N, C-alpha and C. Protein backbone atom coordinates (compact mmCIF):
# COMPACT_ATOMS: atom_id res chain seq x y z
N MET A 1 0.85 -1.17 0.00
CA MET A 1 0.00 0.00 0.00
C MET A 1 0.90 1.24 0.00
N SER A 2 0.68 2.13 -0.96
CA SER A 2 1.53 3.32 -1.04
C SER A 2 1.01 4.41 -0.11
N LYS A 3 1.95 5.04 0.51
CA LYS A 3 1.63 6.12 1.44
C LYS A 3 1.59 7.43 0.65
N LYS A 4 0.59 8.23 0.88
CA LYS A 4 0.48 9.53 0.23
C LYS A 4 1.50 10.49 0.85
N LEU A 5 2.28 11.17 -0.01
CA LEU A 5 3.28 12.10 0.48
C LEU A 5 2.62 13.35 1.05
N ASN A 6 3.12 13.83 2.19
CA ASN A 6 2.61 15.09 2.69
C ASN A 6 3.30 16.23 1.94
N MET A 7 2.85 17.42 2.18
CA MET A 7 3.35 18.59 1.44
C MET A 7 4.86 18.74 1.57
N ILE A 8 5.41 18.55 2.77
CA ILE A 8 6.84 18.73 2.97
C ILE A 8 7.62 17.69 2.17
N GLU A 9 7.20 16.45 2.26
CA GLU A 9 7.88 15.38 1.51
C GLU A 9 7.78 15.62 0.00
N ARG A 10 6.59 15.98 -0.45
CA ARG A 10 6.36 16.23 -1.87
C ARG A 10 7.22 17.39 -2.37
N ARG A 11 7.27 18.47 -1.58
CA ARG A 11 8.05 19.65 -1.98
C ARG A 11 9.55 19.34 -1.97
N ARG A 12 10.02 18.58 -0.98
CA ARG A 12 11.43 18.18 -0.93
C ARG A 12 11.79 17.36 -2.17
N LYS A 13 10.88 16.49 -2.56
CA LYS A 13 11.12 15.66 -3.73
C LYS A 13 11.19 16.52 -5.00
N GLU A 14 10.25 17.47 -5.13
CA GLU A 14 10.25 18.38 -6.29
C GLU A 14 11.53 19.20 -6.34
N LEU A 15 11.90 19.80 -5.20
CA LEU A 15 13.09 20.65 -5.16
C LEU A 15 14.36 19.82 -5.37
N GLY A 16 14.34 18.58 -4.93
CA GLY A 16 15.48 17.71 -5.10
C GLY A 16 15.79 17.38 -6.55
N THR A 17 14.81 17.54 -7.43
CA THR A 17 15.04 17.25 -8.85
C THR A 17 15.55 18.47 -9.61
N MET A 18 15.54 19.63 -8.99
CA MET A 18 15.99 20.85 -9.65
C MET A 18 17.52 20.92 -9.66
N ASP A 19 18.06 21.51 -10.74
CA ASP A 19 19.51 21.75 -10.70
C ASP A 19 19.76 23.00 -9.84
N LYS A 20 21.01 23.24 -9.53
CA LYS A 20 21.37 24.31 -8.61
C LYS A 20 20.82 25.67 -9.04
N ASP A 21 20.99 26.03 -10.32
CA ASP A 21 20.53 27.34 -10.80
C ASP A 21 19.01 27.46 -10.72
N GLU A 22 18.28 26.40 -11.08
CA GLU A 22 16.82 26.43 -10.97
C GLU A 22 16.39 26.66 -9.53
N LEU A 23 17.06 25.98 -8.61
CA LEU A 23 16.72 26.10 -7.20
C LEU A 23 16.99 27.51 -6.69
N ILE A 24 18.14 28.06 -7.06
CA ILE A 24 18.48 29.43 -6.66
C ILE A 24 17.45 30.41 -7.23
N ASN A 25 17.12 30.26 -8.52
CA ASN A 25 16.12 31.14 -9.14
C ASN A 25 14.78 31.03 -8.44
N SER A 26 14.39 29.82 -8.07
CA SER A 26 13.12 29.60 -7.39
C SER A 26 13.09 30.31 -6.03
N ILE A 27 14.19 30.23 -5.31
CA ILE A 27 14.27 30.89 -4.00
C ILE A 27 14.20 32.41 -4.15
N ILE A 28 14.97 32.95 -5.09
CA ILE A 28 14.97 34.41 -5.28
C ILE A 28 13.61 34.90 -5.76
N ASN A 29 13.02 34.20 -6.73
CA ASN A 29 11.68 34.59 -7.19
C ASN A 29 10.67 34.55 -6.06
N GLY A 30 10.78 33.53 -5.20
CA GLY A 30 9.88 33.45 -4.06
C GLY A 30 10.02 34.65 -3.14
N GLN A 31 11.26 35.05 -2.87
CA GLN A 31 11.49 36.22 -2.02
C GLN A 31 10.92 37.48 -2.64
N LEU A 32 11.19 37.69 -3.93
CA LEU A 32 10.72 38.91 -4.59
C LEU A 32 9.19 38.95 -4.68
N ASN A 33 8.57 37.83 -4.97
CA ASN A 33 7.11 37.81 -5.07
C ASN A 33 6.44 37.97 -3.71
N ARG A 34 7.00 37.38 -2.66
CA ARG A 34 6.45 37.61 -1.31
C ARG A 34 6.59 39.08 -0.93
N PHE A 35 7.72 39.68 -1.32
CA PHE A 35 7.95 41.10 -1.06
C PHE A 35 6.87 41.94 -1.77
N ILE A 36 6.62 41.65 -3.05
CA ILE A 36 5.59 42.40 -3.79
C ILE A 36 4.24 42.28 -3.10
N VAL A 37 3.89 41.08 -2.65
CA VAL A 37 2.60 40.88 -1.98
C VAL A 37 2.48 41.77 -0.74
N GLU A 38 3.59 41.98 -0.04
CA GLU A 38 3.57 42.84 1.15
C GLU A 38 3.22 44.29 0.80
N TYR A 39 3.59 44.72 -0.40
CA TYR A 39 3.46 46.14 -0.77
C TYR A 39 2.56 46.38 -1.98
N ASP A 40 1.89 45.37 -2.51
CA ASP A 40 1.21 45.52 -3.80
C ASP A 40 0.01 46.46 -3.78
N GLU A 41 -0.58 46.68 -2.62
CA GLU A 41 -1.76 47.55 -2.54
C GLU A 41 -1.50 48.73 -1.61
N PHE A 42 -2.27 49.79 -1.81
CA PHE A 42 -2.18 50.95 -0.93
C PHE A 42 -2.82 50.60 0.41
N GLY A 43 -2.22 51.05 1.49
CA GLY A 43 -2.73 50.77 2.82
C GLY A 43 -3.71 51.82 3.29
N ASP A 44 -4.28 51.59 4.45
CA ASP A 44 -5.20 52.54 5.07
C ASP A 44 -4.51 53.88 5.24
N GLY A 45 -5.19 54.94 4.89
CA GLY A 45 -4.65 56.28 5.05
C GLY A 45 -3.74 56.73 3.92
N GLU A 46 -3.41 55.82 3.00
CA GLU A 46 -2.58 56.21 1.85
C GLU A 46 -3.48 56.68 0.72
N VAL A 47 -3.01 57.64 -0.04
CA VAL A 47 -3.75 58.15 -1.18
C VAL A 47 -3.44 57.27 -2.40
N ASP A 48 -4.48 56.79 -3.05
CA ASP A 48 -4.34 55.96 -4.25
C ASP A 48 -4.57 56.85 -5.47
N PRO A 49 -3.49 57.27 -6.15
CA PRO A 49 -3.65 58.18 -7.28
C PRO A 49 -4.25 57.52 -8.53
N HIS A 50 -4.36 56.19 -8.52
CA HIS A 50 -4.82 55.49 -9.71
C HIS A 50 -6.26 55.01 -9.62
N GLY A 51 -6.82 54.95 -8.41
CA GLY A 51 -8.21 54.56 -8.24
C GLY A 51 -8.48 53.07 -8.32
N HIS A 52 -7.45 52.25 -8.14
CA HIS A 52 -7.64 50.80 -8.23
C HIS A 52 -7.15 50.08 -6.98
N SER A 53 -6.69 50.80 -6.00
CA SER A 53 -6.14 50.33 -4.72
C SER A 53 -4.81 49.58 -4.87
N LYS A 54 -4.28 49.58 -6.08
CA LYS A 54 -3.05 48.83 -6.34
C LYS A 54 -1.85 49.76 -6.51
N ARG A 55 -0.82 49.54 -5.69
CA ARG A 55 0.43 50.28 -5.85
C ARG A 55 1.19 49.70 -7.04
N VAL A 56 1.23 48.37 -7.11
CA VAL A 56 1.88 47.67 -8.21
C VAL A 56 0.78 47.31 -9.20
N PRO A 57 0.89 47.75 -10.44
CA PRO A 57 -0.18 47.49 -11.39
C PRO A 57 -0.22 46.02 -11.82
N TYR A 58 -1.28 45.35 -11.43
CA TYR A 58 -1.49 43.97 -11.87
C TYR A 58 -2.97 43.80 -12.15
N ILE A 59 -3.27 42.90 -13.05
CA ILE A 59 -4.65 42.65 -13.45
C ILE A 59 -5.07 41.33 -12.83
N GLY A 60 -6.10 41.38 -12.04
CA GLY A 60 -6.59 40.20 -11.34
C GLY A 60 -6.97 40.55 -9.92
N TRP A 61 -7.49 39.56 -9.22
CA TRP A 61 -7.97 39.79 -7.87
C TRP A 61 -6.83 39.81 -6.87
N TYR A 62 -5.73 39.17 -7.22
CA TYR A 62 -4.58 39.14 -6.32
C TYR A 62 -3.31 38.99 -7.14
N TRP A 63 -2.17 39.28 -6.53
CA TRP A 63 -0.87 39.17 -7.19
C TRP A 63 -0.56 37.71 -7.47
N ARG A 64 -0.16 37.44 -8.69
CA ARG A 64 0.31 36.10 -9.05
C ARG A 64 1.81 36.18 -9.32
N ASP A 65 2.52 35.12 -8.94
CA ASP A 65 3.98 35.13 -9.05
C ASP A 65 4.48 35.43 -10.46
N VAL A 66 5.51 36.25 -10.51
CA VAL A 66 6.17 36.66 -11.74
C VAL A 66 7.61 36.13 -11.70
N ASP A 67 8.13 35.70 -12.83
CA ASP A 67 9.51 35.22 -12.91
C ASP A 67 10.43 36.42 -13.15
N PHE A 68 10.80 37.08 -12.06
CA PHE A 68 11.68 38.24 -12.17
C PHE A 68 13.12 37.84 -12.49
N VAL A 69 13.53 36.65 -12.10
CA VAL A 69 14.93 36.25 -12.23
C VAL A 69 15.31 36.02 -13.68
N THR A 70 14.62 35.11 -14.37
CA THR A 70 14.99 34.87 -15.77
C THR A 70 14.35 35.91 -16.68
N GLY A 71 13.15 36.38 -16.31
CA GLY A 71 12.46 37.37 -17.13
C GLY A 71 12.08 36.87 -18.51
N GLU A 72 12.13 35.55 -18.70
CA GLU A 72 11.87 35.00 -20.04
C GLU A 72 10.44 35.23 -20.49
N TYR A 73 9.50 35.18 -19.53
CA TYR A 73 8.11 35.39 -19.92
C TYR A 73 7.39 36.12 -18.79
N ILE A 74 7.31 37.43 -18.93
CA ILE A 74 6.55 38.24 -17.98
C ILE A 74 5.42 38.89 -18.78
N PRO A 75 4.21 38.35 -18.66
CA PRO A 75 3.09 38.90 -19.42
C PRO A 75 2.51 40.16 -18.79
N ILE A 76 2.19 41.11 -19.65
CA ILE A 76 1.46 42.30 -19.21
C ILE A 76 0.21 42.38 -20.07
N GLY A 77 -0.81 43.04 -19.55
CA GLY A 77 -2.06 43.17 -20.28
C GLY A 77 -2.64 44.55 -20.13
N ASP A 78 -3.61 44.83 -20.98
CA ASP A 78 -4.32 46.11 -20.97
C ASP A 78 -5.79 45.81 -20.71
N CYS A 79 -6.24 46.14 -19.49
CA CYS A 79 -7.64 45.87 -19.13
C CYS A 79 -8.58 46.99 -19.56
N GLY A 80 -8.05 47.99 -20.24
CA GLY A 80 -8.87 49.12 -20.67
C GLY A 80 -8.74 50.32 -19.75
N GLU A 81 -8.36 50.07 -18.49
CA GLU A 81 -8.18 51.15 -17.52
C GLU A 81 -6.71 51.39 -17.20
N PHE A 82 -5.90 50.34 -17.32
CA PHE A 82 -4.47 50.47 -17.09
C PHE A 82 -3.76 49.24 -17.65
N ILE A 83 -2.45 49.35 -17.77
CA ILE A 83 -1.60 48.23 -18.18
C ILE A 83 -0.94 47.69 -16.92
N GLY A 84 -0.99 46.37 -16.75
CA GLY A 84 -0.41 45.77 -15.56
C GLY A 84 0.11 44.37 -15.80
N PHE A 85 0.81 43.86 -14.81
CA PHE A 85 1.25 42.47 -14.87
C PHE A 85 0.01 41.61 -14.97
N MET A 86 0.08 40.56 -15.78
CA MET A 86 -1.12 39.74 -15.96
C MET A 86 -0.69 38.29 -16.18
N GLU A 87 -0.46 37.59 -15.10
CA GLU A 87 -0.02 36.21 -15.16
C GLU A 87 -1.15 35.25 -15.51
N ASN A 88 -2.38 35.72 -15.47
CA ASN A 88 -3.52 34.85 -15.75
C ASN A 88 -4.57 35.67 -16.49
N ASN A 89 -4.66 35.50 -17.80
CA ASN A 89 -5.58 36.29 -18.60
C ASN A 89 -6.93 35.58 -18.72
N LYS A 90 -7.75 35.71 -17.69
CA LYS A 90 -9.07 35.09 -17.68
C LYS A 90 -10.09 35.88 -18.50
N TRP A 91 -9.74 37.09 -18.88
CA TRP A 91 -10.71 37.98 -19.47
C TRP A 91 -10.49 38.21 -20.96
N GLY A 92 -9.44 37.64 -21.51
CA GLY A 92 -9.17 37.83 -22.92
C GLY A 92 -8.68 39.22 -23.26
N TYR A 93 -8.01 39.89 -22.32
CA TYR A 93 -7.48 41.23 -22.59
C TYR A 93 -6.29 41.13 -23.53
N ALA A 94 -6.06 42.22 -24.26
CA ALA A 94 -4.86 42.30 -25.09
C ALA A 94 -3.65 42.15 -24.18
N GLN A 95 -2.68 41.36 -24.61
CA GLN A 95 -1.51 41.11 -23.78
C GLN A 95 -0.28 40.92 -24.64
N ARG A 96 0.86 40.97 -23.98
CA ARG A 96 2.13 40.64 -24.61
C ARG A 96 3.13 40.39 -23.50
N LYS A 97 4.28 39.84 -23.87
CA LYS A 97 5.33 39.64 -22.86
C LYS A 97 6.27 40.84 -22.90
N LEU A 98 6.91 41.09 -21.77
CA LEU A 98 7.87 42.19 -21.71
C LEU A 98 9.08 41.87 -22.58
N GLU A 99 9.59 42.89 -23.23
CA GLU A 99 10.83 42.77 -24.01
C GLU A 99 12.01 42.79 -23.04
N PRO A 100 13.17 42.25 -23.44
CA PRO A 100 14.32 42.18 -22.52
C PRO A 100 14.70 43.52 -21.88
N ASP A 101 14.66 44.62 -22.63
CA ASP A 101 15.01 45.92 -22.05
C ASP A 101 13.96 46.37 -21.02
N GLU A 102 12.70 45.99 -21.25
CA GLU A 102 11.63 46.32 -20.31
C GLU A 102 11.77 45.49 -19.03
N VAL A 103 12.15 44.22 -19.20
CA VAL A 103 12.37 43.36 -18.03
C VAL A 103 13.43 43.98 -17.13
N LEU A 104 14.51 44.48 -17.72
CA LEU A 104 15.59 45.09 -16.93
C LEU A 104 15.08 46.30 -16.15
N LYS A 105 14.27 47.13 -16.78
CA LYS A 105 13.72 48.31 -16.10
C LYS A 105 12.85 47.90 -14.91
N VAL A 106 11.99 46.91 -15.13
CA VAL A 106 11.11 46.43 -14.07
C VAL A 106 11.94 45.80 -12.95
N ARG A 107 12.86 44.93 -13.33
CA ARG A 107 13.69 44.23 -12.35
C ARG A 107 14.50 45.23 -11.51
N ASN A 108 15.03 46.28 -12.15
CA ASN A 108 15.81 47.27 -11.40
C ASN A 108 14.98 47.94 -10.32
N ILE A 109 13.74 48.28 -10.64
CA ILE A 109 12.86 48.91 -9.65
C ILE A 109 12.53 47.94 -8.53
N VAL A 110 12.14 46.72 -8.89
CA VAL A 110 11.75 45.73 -7.87
C VAL A 110 12.93 45.41 -6.95
N CYS A 111 14.11 45.19 -7.53
CA CYS A 111 15.28 44.85 -6.71
C CYS A 111 15.73 46.03 -5.84
N LYS A 112 15.66 47.24 -6.38
CA LYS A 112 16.03 48.41 -5.57
C LYS A 112 15.04 48.57 -4.41
N ALA A 113 13.75 48.39 -4.69
CA ALA A 113 12.74 48.50 -3.63
C ALA A 113 12.97 47.41 -2.58
N TYR A 114 13.28 46.21 -3.02
CA TYR A 114 13.55 45.12 -2.08
C TYR A 114 14.73 45.48 -1.18
N ASP A 115 15.81 45.97 -1.79
CA ASP A 115 16.99 46.37 -1.00
C ASP A 115 16.65 47.48 -0.01
N LEU A 116 15.84 48.44 -0.45
CA LEU A 116 15.43 49.53 0.44
C LEU A 116 14.62 48.98 1.63
N SER A 117 13.82 47.95 1.38
CA SER A 117 13.00 47.38 2.45
C SER A 117 13.85 46.68 3.51
N LYS A 118 15.06 46.32 3.15
CA LYS A 118 15.96 45.62 4.09
C LYS A 118 16.98 46.55 4.72
N ALA A 119 16.95 47.83 4.35
CA ALA A 119 17.92 48.81 4.88
C ALA A 119 17.65 49.06 6.36
N GLY A 120 18.68 49.43 7.05
CA GLY A 120 18.51 49.78 8.45
C GLY A 120 17.97 51.19 8.59
N GLY A 121 17.57 51.54 9.78
CA GLY A 121 17.09 52.90 10.02
C GLY A 121 15.73 52.91 10.68
N ILE A 122 15.06 54.01 10.51
CA ILE A 122 13.73 54.21 11.10
C ILE A 122 12.70 53.50 10.22
N LEU A 123 11.87 52.68 10.83
CA LEU A 123 10.93 51.85 10.08
C LEU A 123 10.03 52.67 9.15
N SER A 124 9.51 53.78 9.61
CA SER A 124 8.63 54.59 8.75
C SER A 124 9.39 55.11 7.52
N ASP A 125 10.66 55.45 7.69
CA ASP A 125 11.47 55.89 6.55
C ASP A 125 11.74 54.74 5.58
N ILE A 126 12.04 53.58 6.13
CA ILE A 126 12.29 52.40 5.28
C ILE A 126 11.05 52.10 4.43
N MET A 127 9.89 52.09 5.07
CA MET A 127 8.65 51.79 4.35
C MET A 127 8.33 52.87 3.31
N ALA A 128 8.53 54.12 3.67
CA ALA A 128 8.26 55.22 2.74
C ALA A 128 9.17 55.14 1.52
N ASN A 129 10.45 54.86 1.74
CA ASN A 129 11.40 54.76 0.62
C ASN A 129 11.08 53.56 -0.27
N THR A 130 10.70 52.46 0.34
CA THR A 130 10.33 51.25 -0.41
C THR A 130 9.10 51.54 -1.27
N ARG A 131 8.09 52.14 -0.67
CA ARG A 131 6.86 52.45 -1.42
C ARG A 131 7.14 53.44 -2.54
N LYS A 132 7.96 54.42 -2.27
CA LYS A 132 8.29 55.43 -3.29
C LYS A 132 8.94 54.76 -4.50
N GLU A 133 9.81 53.79 -4.26
CA GLU A 133 10.46 53.08 -5.38
C GLU A 133 9.44 52.24 -6.14
N LEU A 134 8.61 51.50 -5.42
CA LEU A 134 7.60 50.67 -6.08
C LEU A 134 6.58 51.50 -6.85
N ASP A 135 6.33 52.72 -6.38
CA ASP A 135 5.39 53.61 -7.09
C ASP A 135 5.87 53.90 -8.52
N LYS A 136 7.14 53.69 -8.79
CA LYS A 136 7.67 53.93 -10.15
C LYS A 136 7.19 52.87 -11.14
N LEU A 137 6.71 51.73 -10.64
CA LEU A 137 6.24 50.69 -11.56
C LEU A 137 5.00 51.11 -12.33
N TRP A 138 4.11 51.86 -11.68
CA TRP A 138 2.85 52.23 -12.34
C TRP A 138 3.11 53.03 -13.62
N PRO A 139 3.80 54.17 -13.56
CA PRO A 139 4.03 54.91 -14.81
C PRO A 139 4.90 54.13 -15.81
N LEU A 140 5.82 53.32 -15.30
CA LEU A 140 6.66 52.55 -16.21
C LEU A 140 5.80 51.58 -17.03
N LEU A 141 4.94 50.82 -16.37
CA LEU A 141 4.12 49.85 -17.12
C LEU A 141 3.15 50.56 -18.08
N GLN A 142 2.67 51.75 -17.70
CA GLN A 142 1.76 52.47 -18.60
C GLN A 142 2.49 52.92 -19.86
N SER A 143 3.82 52.99 -19.79
CA SER A 143 4.60 53.43 -20.96
C SER A 143 4.90 52.27 -21.92
N PHE A 144 4.55 51.05 -21.55
CA PHE A 144 4.79 49.89 -22.42
C PHE A 144 3.56 49.67 -23.29
N PRO A 145 3.67 49.95 -24.57
CA PRO A 145 2.49 49.84 -25.44
C PRO A 145 2.05 48.39 -25.65
N ILE A 146 0.75 48.22 -25.79
CA ILE A 146 0.18 46.91 -26.11
C ILE A 146 -0.72 47.09 -27.32
N LYS A 147 -0.41 46.36 -28.37
CA LYS A 147 -1.23 46.43 -29.58
C LYS A 147 -2.57 45.76 -29.33
N ARG A 148 -3.58 46.35 -29.87
CA ARG A 148 -4.90 45.74 -29.78
C ARG A 148 -5.23 44.99 -31.07
N GLU A 149 -4.28 45.01 -31.98
CA GLU A 149 -4.45 44.24 -33.21
C GLU A 149 -3.76 42.92 -33.02
N GLY A 150 -4.44 41.86 -33.34
CA GLY A 150 -3.85 40.55 -33.16
C GLY A 150 -4.90 39.48 -33.24
N TYR A 151 -4.78 38.48 -32.37
CA TYR A 151 -5.63 37.30 -32.44
C TYR A 151 -6.12 36.92 -31.05
N TRP A 152 -7.44 36.73 -30.95
CA TRP A 152 -8.04 36.25 -29.71
C TRP A 152 -7.96 34.74 -29.69
N ILE A 153 -7.62 34.18 -28.55
CA ILE A 153 -7.61 32.74 -28.37
C ILE A 153 -8.81 32.39 -27.50
N SER A 154 -9.56 31.38 -27.94
CA SER A 154 -10.77 30.98 -27.21
C SER A 154 -10.75 29.49 -26.95
N GLY A 155 -11.34 29.12 -25.82
CA GLY A 155 -11.52 27.71 -25.47
C GLY A 155 -12.99 27.35 -25.58
N SER A 156 -13.27 26.11 -25.95
CA SER A 156 -14.65 25.69 -26.14
C SER A 156 -15.47 25.77 -24.86
N LEU A 157 -14.83 25.70 -23.70
CA LEU A 157 -15.56 25.80 -22.44
C LEU A 157 -15.54 27.20 -21.84
N GLN A 158 -14.40 27.91 -21.99
CA GLN A 158 -14.22 29.16 -21.26
C GLN A 158 -14.48 30.42 -22.06
N GLY A 159 -14.59 30.33 -23.36
CA GLY A 159 -14.65 31.54 -24.18
C GLY A 159 -13.25 32.10 -24.36
N ARG A 160 -13.13 33.42 -24.45
CA ARG A 160 -11.81 34.03 -24.67
C ARG A 160 -10.88 33.80 -23.49
N VAL A 161 -9.69 33.33 -23.80
CA VAL A 161 -8.71 33.05 -22.75
C VAL A 161 -7.39 33.76 -22.96
N GLY A 162 -7.19 34.40 -24.11
CA GLY A 162 -5.91 35.05 -24.34
C GLY A 162 -5.89 35.88 -25.59
N PHE A 163 -4.77 36.54 -25.78
CA PHE A 163 -4.57 37.42 -26.92
C PHE A 163 -3.11 37.34 -27.33
N GLU A 164 -2.87 37.21 -28.59
CA GLU A 164 -1.51 37.21 -29.13
C GLU A 164 -1.45 38.21 -30.28
N THR A 165 -0.31 38.84 -30.46
CA THR A 165 -0.19 39.87 -31.50
C THR A 165 0.13 39.30 -32.87
N THR A 166 0.60 38.04 -32.91
CA THR A 166 0.92 37.44 -34.21
C THR A 166 0.14 36.14 -34.39
N GLU A 167 -0.08 35.77 -35.65
CA GLU A 167 -0.78 34.52 -35.92
C GLU A 167 0.05 33.33 -35.43
N GLU A 168 1.36 33.41 -35.63
CA GLU A 168 2.23 32.32 -35.15
C GLU A 168 2.13 32.18 -33.63
N GLY A 169 2.12 33.30 -32.93
CA GLY A 169 1.96 33.26 -31.47
C GLY A 169 0.63 32.66 -31.06
N ALA A 170 -0.42 32.99 -31.81
CA ALA A 170 -1.75 32.43 -31.53
C ALA A 170 -1.76 30.92 -31.75
N LYS A 171 -1.14 30.46 -32.82
CA LYS A 171 -1.06 29.02 -33.08
C LYS A 171 -0.31 28.31 -31.95
N GLN A 172 0.81 28.90 -31.54
CA GLN A 172 1.60 28.29 -30.47
C GLN A 172 0.82 28.25 -29.16
N MET A 173 0.10 29.33 -28.87
CA MET A 173 -0.68 29.38 -27.64
C MET A 173 -1.79 28.33 -27.66
N CYS A 174 -2.46 28.18 -28.80
CA CYS A 174 -3.52 27.16 -28.93
C CYS A 174 -2.94 25.77 -28.69
N LYS A 175 -1.78 25.50 -29.27
CA LYS A 175 -1.14 24.19 -29.10
C LYS A 175 -0.77 23.97 -27.64
N LEU A 176 -0.18 24.98 -27.00
CA LEU A 176 0.20 24.88 -25.60
C LEU A 176 -1.01 24.58 -24.73
N LEU A 177 -2.09 25.31 -24.95
CA LEU A 177 -3.31 25.11 -24.16
C LEU A 177 -3.91 23.74 -24.44
N GLN A 178 -3.92 23.34 -25.72
CA GLN A 178 -4.46 22.04 -26.12
C GLN A 178 -3.68 20.90 -25.44
N ASP A 179 -2.36 21.04 -25.39
CA ASP A 179 -1.53 20.03 -24.75
C ASP A 179 -1.82 19.96 -23.25
N ALA A 180 -2.09 21.12 -22.63
CA ALA A 180 -2.34 21.17 -21.19
C ALA A 180 -3.75 20.66 -20.85
N ALA A 181 -4.69 20.85 -21.75
CA ALA A 181 -6.09 20.44 -21.51
C ALA A 181 -6.64 19.78 -22.78
N PRO A 182 -6.27 18.52 -23.01
CA PRO A 182 -6.64 17.85 -24.27
C PRO A 182 -8.14 17.76 -24.54
N GLY A 183 -8.95 17.83 -23.52
CA GLY A 183 -10.40 17.72 -23.71
C GLY A 183 -11.07 19.01 -24.16
N ILE A 184 -10.31 20.08 -24.26
CA ILE A 184 -10.88 21.37 -24.63
C ILE A 184 -10.30 21.79 -25.97
N GLU A 185 -11.17 22.26 -26.85
CA GLU A 185 -10.72 22.73 -28.16
C GLU A 185 -10.38 24.22 -28.08
N TYR A 186 -9.20 24.56 -28.59
CA TYR A 186 -8.77 25.96 -28.59
C TYR A 186 -8.63 26.44 -30.02
N THR A 187 -9.15 27.63 -30.27
CA THR A 187 -9.08 28.23 -31.60
C THR A 187 -8.64 29.68 -31.47
N TYR A 188 -8.30 30.28 -32.60
CA TYR A 188 -7.95 31.70 -32.58
C TYR A 188 -8.68 32.40 -33.74
N GLU A 189 -8.91 33.68 -33.54
CA GLU A 189 -9.55 34.49 -34.57
C GLU A 189 -8.96 35.89 -34.54
N LYS A 190 -8.97 36.56 -35.68
CA LYS A 190 -8.42 37.91 -35.77
C LYS A 190 -9.26 38.87 -34.93
N ALA A 191 -8.57 39.72 -34.19
CA ALA A 191 -9.27 40.69 -33.32
C ALA A 191 -9.87 41.80 -34.15
């Protein structure tokens, strides 16, 4: 009779299969994403200049982990009101991945804010400096254009699930989704 692995055993097994660089990247990404969650929204008594309660622009009900370390695929989307990180496009918004130079700009802000959060000194000053640095993400992401011309990807059960700017990207996304959920048919159409 096989014993079901508990979370700790299962996670140790998963991490044990990673090579050193993957493990290091996973740890760093975990730290940066937990840090973002601590500061992603405006707190009580803070003025929200954007009207969405979010200091860090993201689309969705909560922050979803971003791969800041490799930066190979950081999706952003345009919900019609703002451009933000969008790790899960449930709404079929226009989206694209950050370009390498954009990843560097984002990463520089996030890493500088993280370092500021760990600086010594007066706690209120540390928090104010950290927030001030993270506040730079909002205007930066708004400066990254997203084309609304492209291809909508739809699933037979969910309706629109994504957007790609090229037909080749749409084909690849359909294949990726089809492989992940073989029972669902995915198609694309010109926007």
